[in-house]
Amino acid sequence: MAYDKDYVCEDRGEVREWVQIKVTVPLERLDDLVAIMSMITNQLQIEDYSDIDLASCYGDLIDESILNADKTIASVSVYLAGDRPCNDELAFLRERLAEVGLTELAKIELNGVNEEDWANAWRTYYKPLHIGERMVIVPAWETYEPKGNEIVVTMDPGMAFGTGSHETTRLVIGLLEKYTKEGCRMLDVGCGSGILAICASKLGAGECFAYDIDPTAVRVANENVEKSGQTNITCAVADLLRGVDESRPYDLITANIVADIIIRMAPDVGKHMHEGTVLLVSGIICPRSGDVVEALEANGLTIVERVVDNDWCAMAVMKK
């Protein structure tokens, strides 16, 4: 059904400023876009004029802009509070669009804020984050003196996903503290800013490989690795598990992606695991967790731990 529903945003009766993130794709990819955008919020504005039937309505009652709209494309918008940064959401979108082959086909628009101002202003909101028991994620432009046994990870995510503020990243970092073993061989699929590989390295991993399908993310990850001082991390472009180092199995694998991509990986990830390997999956909205569990168990894997933050969940998985 075609519709363009007005979106009214209020907070306790008072109108607030909102930022609109609008993504436009070819009509046949609308379902993929809706699935991705719904991971940011389930309150979506969808513009799809392809099935307007002029024979069943009076043409003079339809806005001319709708009558003349391009019927081969569709758009989905989400609205975020204007008093908070949207860096993670935009980076999340870019990486998820790349994973489903929409990078070249999708047009992303940011309305309600000057993009140049946003690119710098969001840094005002990014402060040191304490995650798990020991990890502290510190922006590159901030100073922080660690206390006790805290481990500091300095990050400048740029246009890559992974500041540590998103629930999915916090969940998997918490699991990394528990499952990273001294000297282990680690693989991060969909590395974004490189935050998980850097955390694993600082937690004692011996050799880390971080891959992403987005060259921008890989560039940012390499920059963050260099700034971190960790010399045991390799970052490169790869399409999920295609193109990763296969010289021997990994002891620890992380995939902070989305449910559908984890399900797609499920038949192949076991080839990169041995009996003691731990796979940490995150980026899963809770309503899809059952689908992910079903796919993993169908491919000889078992869930050993599940953690939840708001409506997101992450899991630790091992071979049966």
Protein backbone atom coordinates (compact mmCIF):
# COMPACT_ATOMS: atom_id res chain seq x y z
CA MET A 1 0.00 0.00 0.00
CA ALA A 2 1.37 3.40 -0.92
CA TYR A 3 1.38 6.04 1.74
CA ASP A 4 3.24 9.07 2.99
CA LYS A 5 2.23 9.43 6.62
CA ASP A 6 2.95 12.65 8.48
CA TYR A 7 5.18 12.02 11.44
CA VAL A 8 4.35 14.02 14.58
CA CYS A 9 7.09 14.04 17.21
CA GLU A 10 6.33 15.17 20.71
CA ASP A 11 7.97 14.68 24.09
CA ARG A 12 5.68 14.92 27.12
CA GLY A 13 3.44 17.29 25.24
CA GLU A 14 6.22 19.61 24.11
CA VAL A 15 7.34 19.72 20.49
CA ARG A 16 11.05 18.97 20.13
CA GLU A 17 13.55 19.39 17.33
CA TRP A 18 14.08 16.24 15.29
CA VAL A 19 16.57 15.07 12.70
CA GLN A 20 15.23 13.13 9.74
CA ILE A 21 17.37 10.40 8.20
CA LYS A 22 15.83 9.53 4.83
CA VAL A 23 17.07 6.72 2.62
CA THR A 24 15.87 6.18 -0.95
CA VAL A 25 16.36 2.94 -2.90
CA PRO A 26 14.99 1.25 -6.02
CA LEU A 27 11.44 0.08 -5.35
CA GLU A 28 12.32 -3.60 -5.56
CA ARG A 29 14.71 -3.19 -2.59
CA LEU A 30 12.19 -1.49 -0.30
CA ASP A 31 11.75 -4.56 1.92
CA ASP A 32 15.51 -4.73 2.54
CA LEU A 33 15.57 -1.04 3.45
CA VAL A 34 12.59 -1.34 5.82
CA ALA A 35 14.30 -4.23 7.61
CA ILE A 36 17.47 -2.17 8.13
CA MET A 37 15.73 1.05 9.16
CA SER A 38 13.52 -0.81 11.64
CA MET A 39 16.68 -1.73 13.56
CA ILE A 40 17.06 1.97 14.43
CA THR A 41 13.40 2.46 15.36
CA ASN A 42 10.12 0.79 14.48
CA GLN A 43 8.54 4.18 13.84
CA LEU A 44 9.08 4.60 10.12
CA GLN A 45 7.80 6.93 7.45
CA ILE A 46 7.55 5.09 4.14
CA GLU A 47 7.08 6.79 0.79
CA ASP A 48 6.00 4.39 -1.94
CA TYR A 49 3.75 5.72 -4.70
CA SER A 50 4.02 2.76 -7.05
CA ASP A 51 0.54 1.37 -6.51
CA ILE A 52 -1.55 4.54 -6.69
CA ASP A 53 -4.59 3.61 -8.79
CA LEU A 54 -5.89 6.69 -10.58
CA ALA A 55 -8.88 4.72 -11.87
CA SER A 56 -10.22 4.30 -8.35
CA CYS A 57 -9.87 7.87 -7.09
CA TYR A 58 -10.35 11.42 -8.22
CA GLY A 59 -7.14 12.77 -9.67
CA ASP A 60 -7.86 16.32 -8.49
CA LEU A 61 -7.82 15.10 -4.90
CA ILE A 62 -4.23 13.87 -5.16
CA ASP A 63 -1.34 16.26 -4.68
CA GLU A 64 0.41 16.94 -7.98
CA SER A 65 3.79 16.09 -6.46
CA ILE A 66 2.49 12.60 -5.67
CA LEU A 67 1.03 12.17 -9.15
CA ASN A 68 4.39 13.11 -10.66
CA ALA A 69 6.52 11.16 -8.18
CA ASP A 70 9.00 8.60 -9.49
CA LYS A 71 7.22 5.25 -9.15
CA THR A 72 10.47 3.27 -9.51
CA ILE A 73 11.92 4.34 -6.16
CA ALA A 74 10.81 4.31 -2.52
CA SER A 75 12.03 6.03 0.62
CA VAL A 76 12.08 5.27 4.33
CA SER A 77 12.65 7.89 7.01
CA VAL A 78 13.37 7.74 10.72
CA TYR A 79 13.32 10.68 13.11
CA LEU A 80 15.85 11.11 15.89
CA ALA A 81 15.93 13.67 18.69
CA GLY A 82 17.90 16.69 17.54
CA ASP A 83 19.64 17.12 20.88
CA ARG A 84 21.76 13.98 20.54
CA PRO A 85 24.36 12.82 17.99
CA CYS A 86 23.29 10.49 15.20
CA ASN A 87 26.77 9.38 14.17
CA ASP A 88 26.22 5.75 15.16
CA GLU A 89 22.91 5.52 13.34
CA LEU A 90 24.36 6.92 10.10
CA ALA A 91 27.42 4.68 10.29
CA PHE A 92 25.16 1.71 11.11
CA LEU A 93 23.08 2.45 8.01
CA ARG A 94 26.09 2.79 5.72
CA GLU A 95 27.55 -0.53 6.83
CA ARG A 96 24.26 -2.45 6.75
CA LEU A 97 23.42 -1.05 3.31
CA ALA A 98 26.83 -2.22 2.11
CA GLU A 99 26.20 -5.70 3.51
CA VAL A 100 23.06 -6.12 1.39
CA GLY A 101 24.57 -4.56 -1.74
CA LEU A 102 22.82 -1.19 -1.55
CA THR A 103 25.79 1.16 -1.18
CA GLU A 104 25.68 2.38 -4.78
CA LEU A 105 21.89 2.25 -5.05
CA ALA A 106 20.87 4.03 -1.84
CA LYS A 107 20.67 7.79 -1.36
CA ILE A 108 20.95 8.99 2.26
CA GLU A 109 19.64 12.42 3.23
CA LEU A 110 20.01 14.17 6.57
CA ASN A 111 17.39 16.84 7.19
CA GLY A 112 16.94 19.20 10.11
CA VAL A 113 20.63 19.73 10.76
CA ASN A 114 23.51 21.15 8.77
CA GLU A 115 25.59 18.15 7.73
CA GLU A 116 28.90 19.97 7.99
CA ASP A 117 28.03 21.20 11.48
CA TRP A 118 26.87 17.72 12.47
CA ALA A 119 30.13 16.12 11.34
CA ASN A 120 31.92 18.03 14.09
CA ALA A 121 29.17 18.82 16.60
CA TRP A 122 28.43 15.18 17.44
CA ARG A 123 31.84 14.95 19.06
CA THR A 124 30.57 17.20 21.85
CA TYR A 125 28.32 14.37 23.00
CA TYR A 126 30.89 11.57 22.75
CA LYS A 127 32.50 11.19 26.18
CA PRO A 128 34.44 8.35 27.88
CA LEU A 129 32.25 5.27 28.22
CA HIS A 130 32.68 2.59 30.88
CA ILE A 131 31.67 -0.81 29.47
CA GLY A 132 31.67 -4.12 31.28
CA GLU A 133 34.02 -4.39 34.26
CA ARG A 134 37.24 -2.95 32.87
CA MET A 135 36.86 -1.39 29.42
CA VAL A 136 36.75 2.40 29.01
CA ILE A 137 36.18 3.74 25.48
CA VAL A 138 37.72 7.21 25.23
CA PRO A 139 37.32 9.61 22.27
CA ALA A 140 40.64 10.49 20.66
CA TRP A 141 40.16 14.17 21.52
CA GLU A 142 39.53 13.50 25.23
CA THR A 143 42.01 12.79 28.02
CA TYR A 144 41.36 10.08 30.59
CA GLU A 145 43.45 8.69 33.41
CA PRO A 146 42.68 4.97 33.97
CA LYS A 147 41.85 3.83 37.49
CA GLY A 148 42.84 0.49 38.95
CA ASN A 149 42.79 -2.27 36.32
CA GLU A 150 40.80 -0.30 33.74
CA ILE A 151 41.70 -0.84 30.08
CA VAL A 152 41.48 2.30 27.94
CA VAL A 153 40.61 2.06 24.25
CA THR A 154 41.02 5.34 22.35
CA MET A 155 38.65 5.72 19.40
CA ASP A 156 37.84 8.15 16.61
CA PRO A 157 35.03 6.36 14.74
CA GLY A 158 34.75 8.96 11.98
CA MET A 159 32.13 7.65 9.56
CA ALA A 160 32.38 4.02 10.75
CA PHE A 161 30.04 2.32 13.20
CA GLY A 162 31.46 1.66 16.65
CA THR A 163 31.77 4.39 19.26
CA GLY A 164 30.83 1.97 22.02
CA SER A 165 27.64 3.88 22.81
CA HIS A 166 25.27 1.60 20.91
CA GLU A 167 23.71 -1.30 22.83
CA THR A 168 24.99 -3.88 20.34
CA THR A 169 28.61 -2.78 20.80
CA ARG A 170 28.31 -2.58 24.58
CA LEU A 171 26.89 -6.10 24.73
CA VAL A 172 29.65 -7.71 22.69
CA ILE A 173 32.43 -5.82 24.51
CA GLY A 174 31.03 -7.14 27.78
CA LEU A 175 31.20 -10.67 26.36
CA LEU A 176 34.73 -10.06 25.07
CA GLU A 177 35.88 -9.40 28.63
CA LYS A 178 34.66 -12.87 29.57
CA TYR A 179 35.68 -14.93 26.55
CA THR A 180 38.97 -13.40 25.33
CA LYS A 181 41.79 -15.76 26.32
CA GLU A 182 45.46 -14.87 26.49
CA GLY A 183 47.13 -15.40 23.11
CA CYS A 184 43.94 -16.38 21.27
CA ARG A 185 43.49 -15.95 17.51
CA MET A 186 40.59 -13.56 16.95
CA LEU A 187 38.40 -12.69 13.93
CA ASP A 188 35.99 -9.74 13.73
CA VAL A 189 33.47 -9.89 10.87
CA GLY A 190 32.08 -6.44 10.00
CA CYS A 191 34.65 -4.49 12.02
CA GLY A 192 33.34 -0.94 11.57
CA SER A 193 35.64 1.36 13.52
CA GLY A 194 37.82 -1.57 14.63
CA ILE A 195 36.69 -1.24 18.23
CA LEU A 196 36.16 -4.96 18.91
CA ALA A 197 39.53 -6.08 17.55
CA ILE A 198 41.28 -3.36 19.55
CA CYS A 199 39.40 -4.38 22.71
CA ALA A 200 40.29 -8.05 22.16
CA SER A 201 43.93 -7.16 21.57
CA LYS A 202 44.07 -5.12 24.78
CA LEU A 203 42.39 -7.99 26.62
CA GLY A 204 45.24 -10.29 25.62
CA ALA A 205 44.37 -11.75 22.20
CA GLY A 206 47.50 -12.81 20.37
CA GLU A 207 46.51 -12.23 16.74
CA CYS A 208 43.45 -10.27 15.53
CA PHE A 209 41.93 -10.02 12.06
CA ALA A 210 39.29 -7.35 11.38
CA TYR A 211 37.30 -7.29 8.14
CA ASP A 212 34.55 -5.13 6.67
CA ILE A 213 32.87 -4.89 3.28
CA ASP A 214 33.04 -1.07 3.47
CA PRO A 215 36.45 0.35 2.48
CA THR A 216 35.73 3.50 4.52
CA ALA A 217 35.26 1.41 7.65
CA VAL A 218 38.50 -0.46 6.97
CA ARG A 219 40.38 2.82 6.54
CA VAL A 220 38.97 4.15 9.81
CA ALA A 221 39.73 0.85 11.56
CA ASN A 222 43.35 0.94 10.38
CA GLU A 223 43.68 4.51 11.65
CA ASN A 224 42.28 3.54 15.05
CA VAL A 225 44.53 0.49 15.26
CA GLU A 226 47.57 2.64 14.54
CA LYS A 227 46.55 5.16 17.20
CA SER A 228 45.90 2.36 19.69
CA GLY A 229 49.49 1.17 19.53
CA GLN A 230 48.36 -2.45 19.07
CA THR A 231 50.60 -4.14 16.51
CA ASN A 232 48.85 -7.52 16.27
CA ILE A 233 45.74 -6.42 14.36
CA THR A 234 45.23 -6.81 10.60
CA CYS A 235 42.37 -4.87 8.94
CA ALA A 236 41.20 -5.58 5.40
CA VAL A 237 38.20 -5.58 3.07
CA ALA A 238 36.17 -8.78 2.87
CA ASP A 239 32.57 -9.76 2.17
CA LEU A 240 31.58 -11.45 5.44
CA LEU A 241 33.64 -14.69 5.55
CA ARG A 242 34.68 -14.53 1.91
CA GLY A 243 38.24 -13.26 1.81
CA VAL A 244 39.19 -13.70 5.47
CA ASP A 245 42.44 -15.39 6.49
CA GLU A 246 41.81 -19.16 6.38
CA SER A 247 45.28 -20.42 7.30
CA ARG A 248 43.88 -21.97 10.50
CA PRO A 249 40.74 -21.80 12.69
CA TYR A 250 40.07 -18.96 15.07
CA ASP A 251 39.70 -19.23 18.84
CA LEU A 252 37.34 -16.25 19.06
CA ILE A 253 35.02 -14.76 16.41
CA THR A 254 32.87 -11.64 16.74
CA ALA A 255 30.06 -10.54 14.44
CA ASN A 256 28.25 -7.39 15.52
CA ILE A 257 26.10 -7.17 12.42
CA VAL A 258 22.34 -7.85 12.05
CA ALA A 259 20.15 -10.92 12.42
CA ASP A 260 19.73 -11.59 8.70
CA ILE A 261 23.47 -11.44 8.01
CA ILE A 262 24.27 -13.70 10.98
CA ILE A 263 21.70 -16.18 9.65
CA ARG A 264 23.38 -16.01 6.24
CA MET A 265 26.78 -16.67 7.87
CA ALA A 266 25.56 -19.61 9.94
CA PRO A 267 26.25 -22.39 7.39
CA ASP A 268 29.85 -21.24 6.84
CA VAL A 269 31.13 -19.92 10.15
CA GLY A 270 31.74 -23.41 11.57
CA LYS A 271 34.51 -23.94 8.99
CA HIS A 272 36.51 -21.26 10.79
CA MET A 273 35.94 -22.73 14.28
CA HIS A 274 37.43 -25.60 16.25
CA GLU A 275 35.77 -27.37 19.15
CA GLY A 276 36.72 -24.70 21.69
CA THR A 277 36.06 -21.62 19.54
CA VAL A 278 33.65 -19.04 20.92
CA LEU A 279 31.51 -17.07 18.47
CA LEU A 280 30.06 -13.80 19.78
CA VAL A 281 27.11 -12.52 17.74
CA SER A 282 25.41 -9.18 18.33
CA GLY A 283 23.31 -6.60 16.49
CA ILE A 284 20.21 -8.76 16.95
CA ILE A 285 16.88 -7.18 17.79
CA CYS A 286 15.18 -9.37 20.39
CA PRO A 287 12.18 -10.32 18.21
CA ARG A 288 14.62 -11.89 15.70
CA SER A 289 16.72 -13.76 18.27
CA GLY A 290 14.71 -16.97 17.80
CA ASP A 291 15.47 -16.97 14.07
CA VAL A 292 19.18 -16.54 14.79
CA VAL A 293 19.20 -19.34 17.36
CA GLU A 294 17.40 -21.65 14.95
CA ALA A 295 19.91 -20.96 12.16
CA LEU A 296 22.95 -21.41 14.41
CA GLU A 297 21.68 -24.63 15.99
CA ALA A 298 20.76 -26.03 12.57
CA ASN A 299 24.44 -25.71 11.66
CA GLY A 300 25.91 -27.56 14.64
CA LEU A 301 26.29 -24.63 17.04
CA THR A 302 24.86 -24.18 20.52
CA ILE A 303 24.05 -21.05 22.54
CA VAL A 304 25.99 -20.91 25.80
CA GLU A 305 25.05 -17.40 26.93
CA ARG A 306 22.53 -14.71 25.97
CA VAL A 307 22.62 -11.09 27.18
CA VAL A 308 20.11 -8.29 26.56
CA ASP A 309 20.25 -4.48 26.60
CA ASN A 310 17.00 -2.65 25.84
CA ASP A 311 15.58 -4.47 22.79
CA TRP A 312 18.93 -5.81 21.56
CA CYS A 313 20.57 -9.11 22.38
CA ALA A 314 23.95 -10.75 21.93
CA MET A 315 24.94 -14.40 22.27
CA ALA A 316 28.01 -16.52 22.97
CA VAL A 317 28.00 -19.61 20.76
CA MET A 318 30.13 -22.76 20.56
CA LYS A 319 30.26 -25.92 18.44
CA LYS A 320 28.17 -28.79 19.80
